[in-house]
PDB file of N, CA and C in Angstrom:
ATOM      1  N   MET A   1     239.701 105.826 115.880  1.00  0.00           N
ATOM      2  CA  MET A   1     240.807 105.344 116.854  1.00  0.00           C
ATOM      3  C   MET A   1     240.609 106.043 118.091  1.00  0.00           C
ATOM      4  N   LEU A   2     240.701 105.138 119.182  1.00  0.00           N
ATOM      5  CA  LEU A   2     240.444 105.513 120.689  1.00  0.00           C
ATOM      6  C   LEU A   2     241.395 105.887 121.193  1.00  0.00           C
ATOM      7  N   PRO A   3     241.477 106.582 122.232  1.00  0.00           N
ATOM      8  CA  PRO A   3     242.960 106.808 123.283  1.00  0.00           C
ATOM      9  C   PRO A   3     243.753 105.693 123.416  1.00  0.00           C
ATOM     10  N   GLY A   4     244.738 105.777 123.492  1.00  0.00           N
ATOM     11  CA  GLY A   4     245.800 104.594 123.636  1.00  0.00           C
ATOM     12  C   GLY A   4     245.869 103.987 122.135  1.00  0.00           C
ATOM     13  N   GLY A   5     245.750 104.310 121.549  1.00  0.00           N
ATOM     14  CA  GLY A   5     245.905 103.958 120.084  1.00  0.00           C
ATOM     15  C   GLY A   5     245.022 102.543 120.008  1.00  0.00           C
ATOM     16  N   LYS A   6     244.051 102.432 120.577  1.00  0.00           N
ATOM     17  CA  LYS A   6     243.168 101.060 120.188  1.00  0.00           C
ATOM     18  C   LYS A   6     241.999 101.707 119.488  1.00  0.00           C
ATOM     19  N   ASN A   7     241.609 100.551 118.778  1.00  0.00           N
ATOM     20  CA  ASN A   7     240.374 100.575 117.779  1.00  0.00           C
ATOM     21  C   ASN A   7     239.302  99.709 118.492  1.00  0.00           C
ATOM     22  N   MET A   8     238.098  99.949 118.068  1.00  0.00           N
ATOM     23  CA  MET A   8     237.074  99.429 118.319  1.00  0.00           C
ATOM     24  C   MET A   8     237.058  97.676 118.360  1.00  0.00           C
ATOM     25  N   ASN A   9     237.708  97.136 117.096  1.00  0.00           N
ATOM     26  CA  ASN A   9     238.029  95.915 117.261  1.00  0.00           C
ATOM     27  C   ASN A   9     239.056  95.300 118.231  1.00  0.00           C
ATOM     28  N   ASP A  10     239.894  96.093 118.717  1.00  0.00           N
ATOM     29  CA  ASP A  10     240.890  95.538 119.572  1.00  0.00           C
ATOM     30  C   ASP A  10     240.045  95.476 120.926  1.00  0.00           C
ATOM     31  N   LEU A  11     239.109  96.444 121.296  1.00  0.00           N
ATOM     32  CA  LEU A  11     238.524  96.527 122.546  1.00  0.00           C
ATOM     33  C   LEU A  11     237.439  95.347 122.601  1.00  0.00           C
ATOM     34  N   MET A  12     236.669  95.016 121.424  1.00  0.00           N
ATOM     35  CA  MET A  12     235.858  94.066 121.349  1.00  0.00           C
ATOM     36  C   MET A  12     236.441  92.719 121.601  1.00  0.00           C
ATOM     37  N   LYS A  13     237.521  92.344 121.075  1.00  0.00           N
ATOM     38  CA  LYS A  13     238.540  91.111 121.150  1.00  0.00           C
ATOM     39  C   LYS A  13     238.747  91.077 122.816  1.00  0.00           C
ATOM     40  N   GLN A  14     239.209  92.201 123.330  1.00  0.00           N
ATOM     41  CA  GLN A  14     239.630  92.014 124.837  1.00  0.00           C
ATOM     42  C   GLN A  14     238.252  91.740 125.434  1.00  0.00           C
ATOM     43  N   ALA A  15     237.053  92.340 125.492  1.00  0.00           N
ATOM     44  CA  ALA A  15     236.094  92.234 125.945  1.00  0.00           C
ATOM     45  C   ALA A  15     235.608  90.559 125.968  1.00  0.00           C
ATOM     46  N   ARG A  16     235.570  90.134 124.685  1.00  0.00           N
ATOM     47  CA  ARG A  16     235.238  88.752 124.251  1.00  0.00           C
ATOM     48  C   ARG A  16     236.081  88.119 125.172  1.00  0.00           C
ATOM     49  N   LYS A  17     237.509  88.250 125.374  1.00  0.00           N
ATOM     50  CA  LYS A  17     238.557  87.240 125.837  1.00  0.00           C
ATOM     51  C   LYS A  17     238.143  87.533 127.670  1.00  0.00           C
ATOM     52  N   MET A  18     237.948  88.640 128.172  1.00  0.00           N
ATOM     53  CA  MET A  18     237.411  88.855 129.561  1.00  0.00           C
ATOM     54  C   MET A  18     236.308  87.927 129.665  1.00  0.00           C
ATOM     55  N   GLN A  19     235.460  87.979 128.748  1.00  0.00           N
ATOM     56  CA  GLN A  19     234.387  87.192 129.243  1.00  0.00           C
ATOM     57  C   GLN A  19     234.158  85.673 129.174  1.00  0.00           C
ATOM     58  N   GLU A  20     235.047  85.211 128.115  1.00  0.00           N
ATOM     59  CA  GLU A  20     235.380  83.897 127.962  1.00  0.00           C
ATOM     60  C   GLU A  20     236.354  83.475 129.429  1.00  0.00           C
ATOM     61  N   GLU A  21     237.123  84.468 129.862  1.00  0.00           N
ATOM     62  CA  GLU A  21     237.868  83.770 131.268  1.00  0.00           C
ATOM     63  C   GLU A  21     236.555  84.040 132.393  1.00  0.00           C
ATOM     64  N   MET A  22     236.054  84.905 132.328  1.00  0.00           N
ATOM     65  CA  MET A  22     234.880  84.996 133.506  1.00  0.00           C
ATOM     66  C   MET A  22     234.128  83.807 133.473  1.00  0.00           C
ATOM     67  N   MET A  23     233.664  83.506 132.229  1.00  0.00           N
ATOM     68  CA  MET A  23     232.722  82.109 132.271  1.00  0.00           C
ATOM     69  C   MET A  23     233.515  80.872 132.691  1.00  0.00           C
ATOM     70  N   LYS A  24     234.738  80.686 132.092  1.00  0.00           N
ATOM     71  CA  LYS A  24     235.746  79.655 132.730  1.00  0.00           C
ATOM     72  C   LYS A  24     235.905  79.553 134.163  1.00  0.00           C
ATOM     73  N   SER A  25     236.011  80.880 134.719  1.00  0.00           N
ATOM     74  CA  SER A  25     236.446  80.975 136.228  1.00  0.00           C
ATOM     75  C   SER A  25     235.051  80.643 136.889  1.00  0.00           C
ATOM     76  N   GLN A  26     233.963  80.993 136.446  1.00  0.00           N
ATOM     77  CA  GLN A  26     232.587  80.638 137.297  1.00  0.00           C
ATOM     78  C   GLN A  26     232.456  79.276 137.127  1.00  0.00           C
ATOM     79  N   GLN A  27     232.479  78.596 135.971  1.00  0.00           N
ATOM     80  CA  GLN A  27     232.344  77.259 135.830  1.00  0.00           C
ATOM     81  C   GLN A  27     233.343  76.485 137.069  1.00  0.00           C
ATOM     82  N   GLU A  28     234.407  76.930 137.038  1.00  0.00           N
ATOM     83  CA  GLU A  28     235.522  76.373 137.841  1.00  0.00           C
ATOM     84  C   GLU A  28     234.908  76.242 139.240  1.00  0.00           C
ATOM     85  N   LEU A  29     234.529  77.637 139.752  1.00  0.00           N
ATOM     86  CA  LEU A  29     233.888  77.811 141.086  1.00  0.00           C
ATOM     87  C   LEU A  29     232.783  77.034 141.323  1.00  0.00           C
ATOM     88  N   GLU A  30     231.680  77.081 140.190  1.00  0.00           N
ATOM     89  CA  GLU A  30     230.537  76.473 140.651  1.00  0.00           C
ATOM     90  C   GLU A  30     230.807  74.799 140.740  1.00  0.00           C
ATOM     91  N   ASN A  31     231.786  74.286 140.512  1.00  0.00           N
ATOM     92  CA  ASN A  31     232.215  72.743 140.541  1.00  0.00           C
ATOM     93  C   ASN A  31     233.201  72.656 141.546  1.00  0.00           C
ATOM     94  N   LYS A  32     233.724  73.551 142.234  1.00  0.00           N
ATOM     95  CA  LYS A  32     234.241  73.386 143.520  1.00  0.00           C
ATOM     96  C   LYS A  32     233.612  73.198 144.575  1.00  0.00           C
ATOM     97  N   ILE A  33     234.172  72.432 145.720  1.00  0.00           N
ATOM     98  CA  ILE A  33     233.492  71.933 147.055  1.00  0.00           C
ATOM     99  C   ILE A  33     233.863  72.658 147.886  1.00  0.00           C
ATOM    100  N   PHE A  34     233.142  73.536 148.800  1.00  0.00           N
ATOM    101  CA  PHE A  34     233.571  74.197 150.260  1.00  0.00           C
ATOM    102  C   PHE A  34     233.118  73.520 151.356  1.00  0.00           C
ATOM    103  N   SER A  35     233.842  73.522 151.932  1.00  0.00           N
ATOM    104  CA  SER A  35     233.659  72.634 153.233  1.00  0.00           C
ATOM    105  C   SER A  35     233.738  73.670 154.832  1.00  0.00           C
ATOM    106  N   ALA A  36     232.658  73.304 155.690  1.00  0.00           N
ATOM    107  CA  ALA A  36     232.710  74.386 156.683  1.00  0.00           C
ATOM    108  C   ALA A  36     231.936  73.364 157.876  1.00  0.00           C
ATOM    109  N   SER A  37     232.771  73.593 159.040  1.00  0.00           N
ATOM    110  CA  SER A  37     232.154  73.010 160.285  1.00  0.00           C
ATOM    111  C   SER A  37     232.084  73.756 161.535  1.00  0.00           C
ATOM    112  N   SER A  38     231.329  73.332 162.420  1.00  0.00           N
ATOM    113  CA  SER A  38     230.938  74.151 163.601  1.00  0.00           C
ATOM    114  C   SER A  38     230.868  73.371 164.805  1.00  0.00           C
ATOM    115  N   GLY A  39     230.846  74.076 165.811  1.00  0.00           N
ATOM    116  CA  GLY A  39     230.968  73.025 167.108  1.00  0.00           C
ATOM    117  C   GLY A  39     232.133  72.373 167.007  1.00  0.00           C
ATOM    118  N   GLY A  40     233.360  72.795 166.806  1.00  0.00           N
ATOM    119  CA  GLY A  40     234.499  72.078 166.964  1.00  0.00           C
ATOM    120  C   GLY A  40     234.458  70.899 166.028  1.00  0.00           C
ATOM    121  N   GLY A  41     233.708  70.963 164.896  1.00  0.00           N
ATOM    122  CA  GLY A  41     233.705  69.966 163.852  1.00  0.00           C
ATOM    123  C   GLY A  41     232.597  68.774 164.107  1.00  0.00           C
ATOM    124  N   MET A  42     231.800  69.256 165.253  1.00  0.00           N
ATOM    125  CA  MET A  42     230.784  68.326 165.341  1.00  0.00           C
ATOM    126  C   MET A  42     229.699  67.892 164.441  1.00  0.00           C
ATOM    127  N   VAL A  43     229.449  69.276 163.440  1.00  0.00           N
ATOM    128  CA  VAL A  43     228.996  69.178 162.320  1.00  0.00           C
ATOM    129  C   VAL A  43     229.807  69.892 161.078  1.00  0.00           C
ATOM    130  N   THR A  44     229.585  69.174 160.147  1.00  0.00           N
ATOM    131  CA  THR A  44     230.539  69.389 158.844  1.00  0.00           C
ATOM    132  C   THR A  44     229.331  69.396 157.528  1.00  0.00           C
ATOM    133  N   VAL A  45     229.294  70.432 156.613  1.00  0.00           N
ATOM    134  CA  VAL A  45     228.866  70.584 155.397  1.00  0.00           C
ATOM    135  C   VAL A  45     229.756  70.902 154.492  1.00  0.00           C
ATOM    136  N   GLU A  46     229.212  70.303 153.167  1.00  0.00           N
ATOM    137  CA  GLU A  46     230.201  70.727 152.256  1.00  0.00           C
ATOM    138  C   GLU A  46     229.031  71.334 150.667  1.00  0.00           C
ATOM    139  N   ILE A  47     229.221  72.437 150.184  1.00  0.00           N
ATOM    140  CA  ILE A  47     228.600  73.011 149.436  1.00  0.00           C
ATOM    141  C   ILE A  47     229.412  73.099 148.057  1.00  0.00           C
ATOM    142  N   ASN A  48     228.689  73.291 146.868  1.00  0.00           N
ATOM    143  CA  ASN A  48     229.303  73.575 145.763  1.00  0.00           C
ATOM    144  C   ASN A  48     229.135  75.093 145.667  1.00  0.00           C
ATOM    145  N   GLY A  49     230.129  75.540 144.614  1.00  0.00           N
ATOM    146  CA  GLY A  49     229.955  77.170 144.318  1.00  0.00           C
ATOM    147  C   GLY A  49     228.728  77.570 143.685  1.00  0.00           C
ATOM    148  N   LYS A  50     227.736  76.389 143.835  1.00  0.00           N
ATOM    149  CA  LYS A  50     226.411  77.186 143.152  1.00  0.00           C
ATOM    150  C   LYS A  50     225.643  77.245 144.587  1.00  0.00           C
ATOM    151  N   TYR A  51     226.232  77.118 145.680  1.00  0.00           N
ATOM    152  CA  TYR A  51     225.702  77.081 147.020  1.00  0.00           C
ATOM    153  C   TYR A  51     224.447  75.860 147.037  1.00  0.00           C
ATOM    154  N   GLU A  52     224.778  74.684 146.542  1.00  0.00           N
ATOM    155  CA  GLU A  52     223.971  73.507 146.455  1.00  0.00           C
ATOM    156  C   GLU A  52     224.584  72.685 147.678  1.00  0.00           C
ATOM    157  N   LEU A  53     223.863  72.406 148.830  1.00  0.00           N
ATOM    158  CA  LEU A  53     224.376  71.245 149.498  1.00  0.00           C
ATOM    159  C   LEU A  53     224.679  69.711 149.076  1.00  0.00           C
ATOM    160  N   LYS A  54     225.947  69.646 149.279  1.00  0.00           N
ATOM    161  CA  LYS A  54     226.228  67.999 148.882  1.00  0.00           C
ATOM    162  C   LYS A  54     226.417  67.188 149.764  1.00  0.00           C
ATOM    163  N   SER A  55     226.796  67.452 151.055  1.00  0.00           N
ATOM    164  CA  SER A  55     226.955  66.457 151.973  1.00  0.00           C
ATOM    165  C   SER A  55     226.933  67.166 153.410  1.00  0.00           C
ATOM    166  N   ILE A  56     226.278  66.476 154.494  1.00  0.00           N
ATOM    167  CA  ILE A  56     226.346  66.941 155.686  1.00  0.00           C
ATOM    168  C   ILE A  56     226.786  65.902 156.528  1.00  0.00           C
ATOM    169  N   LYS A  57     227.492  65.922 157.558  1.00  0.00           N
ATOM    170  CA  LYS A  57     228.202  65.181 158.448  1.00  0.00           C
ATOM    171  C   LYS A  57     228.021  65.440 159.909  1.00  0.00           C
ATOM    172  N   ILE A  58     227.162  64.802 160.787  1.00  0.00           N
ATOM    173  CA  ILE A  58     226.940  65.111 162.334  1.00  0.00           C
ATOM    174  C   ILE A  58     227.473  64.071 162.981  1.00  0.00           C
ATOM    175  N   ASP A  59     228.440  64.378 163.922  1.00  0.00           N
ATOM    176  CA  ASP A  59     228.872  63.625 165.049  1.00  0.00           C
ATOM    177  C   ASP A  59     227.935  63.190 165.944  1.00  0.00           C
ATOM    178  N   PRO A  60     227.896  62.028 166.145  1.00  0.00           N
ATOM    179  CA  PRO A  60     226.625  61.212 166.814  1.00  0.00           C
ATOM    180  C   PRO A  60     226.770  62.002 168.530  1.00  0.00           C
ATOM    181  N   GLU A  61     227.687  62.462 168.986  1.00  0.00           N
ATOM    182  CA  GLU A  61     227.821  63.007 169.940  1.00  0.00           C
ATOM    183  C   GLU A  61     227.071  64.657 170.168  1.00  0.00           C
ATOM    184  N   ALA A  62     226.808  65.080 168.989  1.00  0.00           N
ATOM    185  CA  ALA A  62     225.876  66.279 168.966  1.00  0.00           C
ATOM    186  C   ALA A  62     224.625  66.024 168.831  1.00  0.00           C
ATOM    187  N   VAL A  63     224.016  64.586 168.787  1.00  0.00           N
ATOM    188  CA  VAL A  63     222.703  64.451 168.763  1.00  0.00           C
ATOM    189  C   VAL A  63     222.354  64.366 169.977  1.00  0.00           C
ATOM    190  N   ASP A  64     221.393  65.087 170.863  1.00  0.00           N
ATOM    191  CA  ASP A  64     220.983  65.121 172.240  1.00  0.00           C
ATOM    192  C   ASP A  64     219.784  65.273 171.978  1.00  0.00           C
ATOM    193  N   PRO A  65     218.614  64.291 172.303  1.00  0.00           N
ATOM    194  CA  PRO A  65     217.149  64.570 172.217  1.00  0.00           C
ATOM    195  C   PRO A  65     216.837  65.403 173.232  1.00  0.00           C
ATOM    196  N   GLU A  66     217.794  66.064 174.378  1.00  0.00           N
ATOM    197  CA  GLU A  66     217.153  66.892 174.974  1.00  0.00           C
ATOM    198  C   GLU A  66     217.600  68.315 174.581  1.00  0.00           C
ATOM    199  N   ASP A  67     218.285  68.413 173.485  1.00  0.00           N
ATOM    200  CA  ASP A  67     218.778  69.706 173.061  1.00  0.00           C
ATOM    201  C   ASP A  67     218.894  69.851 171.645  1.00  0.00           C
ATOM    202  N   VAL A  68     217.811  69.686 170.966  1.00  0.00           N
ATOM    203  CA  VAL A  68     217.728  69.527 169.460  1.00  0.00           C
ATOM    204  C   VAL A  68     218.195  70.752 168.981  1.00  0.00           C
ATOM    205  N   GLU A  69     217.843  71.975 169.576  1.00  0.00           N
ATOM    206  CA  GLU A  69     218.011  73.292 169.134  1.00  0.00           C
ATOM    207  C   GLU A  69     219.531  73.397 169.077  1.00  0.00           C
ATOM    208  N   MET A  70     220.336  73.091 170.044  1.00  0.00           N
ATOM    209  CA  MET A  70     222.129  73.000 169.690  1.00  0.00           C
ATOM    210  C   MET A  70     222.296  72.432 168.197  1.00  0.00           C
ATOM    211  N   LEU A  71     221.816  71.241 168.187  1.00  0.00           N
ATOM    212  CA  LEU A  71     222.332  71.016 166.752  1.00  0.00           C
ATOM    213  C   LEU A  71     221.609  71.736 165.538  1.00  0.00           C
ATOM    214  N   GLU A  72     220.199  71.935 165.584  1.00  0.00           N
ATOM    215  CA  GLU A  72     219.777  72.961 164.710  1.00  0.00           C
ATOM    216  C   GLU A  72     220.772  74.453 164.464  1.00  0.00           C
ATOM    217  N   ASP A  73     221.177  74.760 165.551  1.00  0.00           N
ATOM    218  CA  ASP A  73     222.167  75.791 165.304  1.00  0.00           C
ATOM    219  C   ASP A  73     223.288  75.535 164.976  1.00  0.00           C
ATOM    220  N   LEU A  74     224.017  74.590 165.127  1.00  0.00           N
ATOM    221  CA  LEU A  74     225.151  74.034 164.635  1.00  0.00           C
ATOM    222  C   LEU A  74     225.183  73.744 163.256  1.00  0.00           C
ATOM    223  N   VAL A  75     223.970  73.305 162.704  1.00  0.00           N
ATOM    224  CA  VAL A  75     223.884  73.202 161.289  1.00  0.00           C
ATOM    225  C   VAL A  75     223.882  74.402 160.519  1.00  0.00           C
ATOM    226  N   ILE A  76     223.042  75.377 161.272  1.00  0.00           N
ATOM    227  CA  ILE A  76     223.109  76.572 160.328  1.00  0.00           C
ATOM    228  C   ILE A  76     224.177  77.174 160.309  1.00  0.00           C
ATOM    229  N   ALA A  77     225.118  77.315 161.616  1.00  0.00           N
ATOM    230  CA  ALA A  77     226.467  77.735 161.630  1.00  0.00           C
ATOM    231  C   ALA A  77     227.468  77.516 160.600  1.00  0.00           C
ATOM    232  N   ALA A  78     227.101  76.189 160.398  1.00  0.00           N
ATOM    233  CA  ALA A  78     228.118  75.528 159.352  1.00  0.00           C
ATOM    234  C   ALA A  78     227.671  76.049 158.070  1.00  0.00           C
ATOM    235  N   MET A  79     226.186  75.974 157.865  1.00  0.00           N
ATOM    236  CA  MET A  79     226.040  76.163 156.442  1.00  0.00           C
ATOM    237  C   MET A  79     226.242  77.818 156.201  1.00  0.00           C
ATOM    238  N   MET A  80     226.034  78.768 157.182  1.00  0.00           N
ATOM    239  CA  MET A  80     226.479  79.992 156.684  1.00  0.00           C
ATOM    240  C   MET A  80     227.885  80.249 156.584  1.00  0.00           C
ATOM    241  N   GLU A  81     228.826  79.278 157.296  1.00  0.00           N
ATOM    242  CA  GLU A  81     230.297  79.500 156.757  1.00  0.00           C
ATOM    243  C   GLU A  81     230.625  79.216 155.672  1.00  0.00           C
ATOM    244  N   ALA A  82     230.110  78.130 155.345  1.00  0.00           N
ATOM    245  CA  ALA A  82     230.260  77.594 153.690  1.00  0.00           C
ATOM    246  C   ALA A  82     229.829  78.521 152.684  1.00  0.00           C
ATOM    247  N   HIS A  83     228.663  79.269 153.255  1.00  0.00           N
ATOM    248  CA  HIS A  83     227.977  79.993 152.102  1.00  0.00           C
ATOM    249  C   HIS A  83     229.069  81.436 152.027  1.00  0.00           C
ATOM    250  N   SER A  84     229.568  81.410 153.269  1.00  0.00           N
ATOM    251  CA  SER A  84     230.408  82.781 153.011  1.00  0.00           C
ATOM    252  C   SER A  84     231.778  82.658 152.288  1.00  0.00           C
ATOM    253  N   LYS A  85     232.221  81.430 152.519  1.00  0.00           N
ATOM    254  CA  LYS A  85     233.395  80.923 151.791  1.00  0.00           C
ATOM    255  C   LYS A  85     233.040  80.966 150.225  1.00  0.00           C
ATOM    256  N   VAL A  86     232.193  80.559 149.774  1.00  0.00           N
ATOM    257  CA  VAL A  86     231.594  80.603 148.230  1.00  0.00           C
ATOM    258  C   VAL A  86     231.576  82.070 148.041  1.00  0.00           C
ATOM    259  N   THR A  87     230.968  82.826 148.720  1.00  0.00           N
ATOM    260  CA  THR A  87     230.560  84.112 148.165  1.00  0.00           C
ATOM    261  C   THR A  87     232.260  84.985 148.143  1.00  0.00           C
ATOM    262  N   GLU A  88     232.783  84.694 149.301  1.00  0.00           N
ATOM    263  CA  GLU A  88     234.311  85.090 149.139  1.00  0.00           C
ATOM    264  C   GLU A  88     235.127  84.672 147.932  1.00  0.00           C
ATOM    265  N   ALA A  89     235.004  83.520 147.847  1.00  0.00           N
ATOM    266  CA  ALA A  89     235.849  83.096 146.697  1.00  0.00           C
ATOM    267  C   ALA A  89     235.349  83.644 145.166  1.00  0.00           C
ATOM    268  N   ASN A  90     234.031  83.583 145.202  1.00  0.00           N
ATOM    269  CA  ASN A  90     233.207  84.258 144.136  1.00  0.00           C
ATOM    270  C   ASN A  90     233.899  85.840 143.627  1.00  0.00           C
ATOM    271  N   GLU A  91     233.926  86.467 144.813  1.00  0.00           N
ATOM    272  CA  GLU A  91     234.188  87.902 144.634  1.00  0.00           C
ATOM    273  C   GLU A  91     235.722  88.076 144.451  1.00  0.00           C
ATOM    274  N   GLU A  92     236.620  87.143 145.058  1.00  0.00           N
ATOM    275  CA  GLU A  92     237.823  87.213 144.736  1.00  0.00           C
ATOM    276  C   GLU A  92     238.307  87.032 143.286  1.00  0.00           C
ATOM    277  N   THR A  93     237.317  85.730 142.655  1.00  0.00           N
ATOM    278  CA  THR A  93     237.509  85.438 141.429  1.00  0.00           C
ATOM    279  C   THR A  93     237.350  86.722 140.504  1.00  0.00           C
ATOM    280  N   MET A  94     235.962  87.192 140.639  1.00  0.00           N
ATOM    281  CA  MET A  94     235.509  87.918 139.954  1.00  0.00           C
ATOM    282  C   MET A  94     236.268  89.634 139.687  1.00  0.00           C
ATOM    283  N   GLY A  95     236.868  89.719 141.304  1.00  0.00           N
ATOM    284  CA  GLY A  95     237.661  90.964 141.156  1.00  0.00           C
ATOM    285  C   GLY A  95     238.861  90.703 140.592  1.00  0.00           C
ATOM    286  N   ARG A  96     239.508  89.585 140.675  1.00  0.00           N
ATOM    287  CA  ARG A  96     240.791  89.425 139.935  1.00  0.00           C
ATOM    288  C   ARG A  96     240.501  89.638 138.448  1.00  0.00           C
ATOM    289  N   LEU A  97     239.367  89.148 137.940  1.00  0.00           N
ATOM    290  CA  LEU A  97     239.264  89.109 136.629  1.00  0.00           C
ATOM    291  C   LEU A  97     238.882  90.525 135.895  1.00  0.00           C
ATOM    292  N   THR A  98     238.125  91.332 136.873  1.00  0.00           N
ATOM    293  CA  THR A  98     237.564  92.705 136.371  1.00  0.00           C
ATOM    294  C   THR A  98     238.631  94.030 137.001  1.00  0.00           C
ATOM    295  N   GLY A  99     239.702  93.617 137.463  1.00  0.00           N
ATOM    296  CA  GLY A  99     240.666  94.457 138.255  1.00  0.00           C
ATOM    297  C   GLY A  99     240.037  95.289 139.363  1.00  0.00           C
ATOM    298  N   GLY A 100     239.356  94.536 140.155  1.00  0.00           N
ATOM    299  CA  GLY A 100     238.587  95.084 141.142  1.00  0.00           C
ATOM    300  C   GLY A 100     237.368  95.894 141.005  1.00  0.00           C
ATOM    301  N   MET A 101     237.037  96.316 139.733  1.00  0.00           N
ATOM    302  CA  MET A 101     235.821  97.051 139.346  1.00  0.00           C
ATOM    303  C   MET A 101     234.681  96.460 139.833  1.00  0.00           C
ATOM    304  N   LYS A 102     233.672  96.877 140.185  1.00  0.00           N
ATOM    305  CA  LYS A 102     232.389  96.164 140.585  1.00  0.00           C
ATOM    306  C   LYS A 102     231.561  96.588 139.338  1.00  0.00           C
ATOM    307  N   ILE A 103     231.192  95.497 138.732  1.00  0.00           N
ATOM    308  CA  ILE A 103     230.280  95.428 137.343  1.00  0.00           C
ATOM    309  C   ILE A 103     229.195  95.041 137.687  1.00  0.00           C
ATOM    310  N   PRO A 104     227.960  95.775 137.852  1.00  0.00           N
ATOM    311  CA  PRO A 104     226.635  95.390 138.042  1.00  0.00           C
ATOM    312  C   PRO A 104     226.297  94.378 137.210  1.00  0.00           C
ATOM    313  N   GLY A 105     225.831  93.169 137.768  1.00  0.00           N
ATOM    314  CA  GLY A 105     225.089  91.976 137.308  1.00  0.00           C
ATOM    315  C   GLY A 105     225.941  91.021 137.304  1.00  0.00           C
ATOM    316  N   LEU A 106     227.309  90.989 137.614  1.00  0.00           N
ATOM    317  CA  LEU A 106     228.252  89.936 137.306  1.00  0.00           C
ATOM    318  C   LEU A 106     228.229  89.146 138.777  1.00  0.00           C
ATOM    319  N   PHE A 107     228.189  89.751 139.881  1.00  0.00           N
ATOM    320  CA  PHE A 107     228.066  88.987 141.224  1.00  0.00           C
ATOM    321  C   PHE A 107     227.542  89.793 142.058  1.00  0.00           C
TER     322      PHE A 107
END
């Protein structure tokens, strides 16, 4: 018998349930689409929870042959914002499941 009146079987059941919930949450997160934009909406990107780019939209006014660097910066900024959104959602989901414990190898 372990502290709190739990036996090893109870702990194993609890661990399996937590693992199943984590896998389900991870799969839901991977299928979710995250959108971010930059330049006041001039560039919008959508990525999924696996950080895969799904779409990119560029306002024609953002296309200036004299300033391609600005457009490149807008694309990078939108991608970084979308990436941050996925990372934040992942940390929030896993933190909720683990009670805030940082478990190495989970995220």
